[in-house]
Amino acid sequence: MKKAICTIMLSAALACGISGIAAYNGASIVKAEGGENYTEVSVTIRNNTPFELENVDSDFGLTETVGTESIKPYSEVTVQIPEKVKHATMLKISGTTSEGTTFTNTFNGWMSDDTVVTVQYDEEKNLSVSSNINEN
């Protein structure tokens, strides 16, 4: 009986610890098909231009594309990385501005909820795409 109570208390403490760590990291743990747990990861796309960005595609590992209809000037959107490609280490961003200028760039490295892709103008007033993706 004493062993059973200790086992229950240890299990409860472990469950609380895991929940606390997930809450502390700001991540949400989701039950995947087949019963495996995975942590949702998202990427922020920031528009630092005076134009609306249209038809923005986020290609994860060149196998899964998430489309965003538009991103208003000087705003951002969050794109969830699909579960199928949650371990992808390549991200290709492409789209057009409301003025018809196209943009694209490919980044390689580990992605996390802190990953930001920024569409902006560089010093020569050319449209550029940059990111803080950590290289492998």
Foldseek 3Di string as FASTA:
>chain_A
DVVVVVVVVVVVVVVVVVVVVCVVVVWDWDQDPVRDIDTKFKEKEFEQDQWKWAFKWKQFLVPDIDTDGIDHHGGMDIGIDDPVRQAGQKIKIWTATPVGHIAIDMGGADGGNPKYWYWDADPVRDTYIDIPHDHD
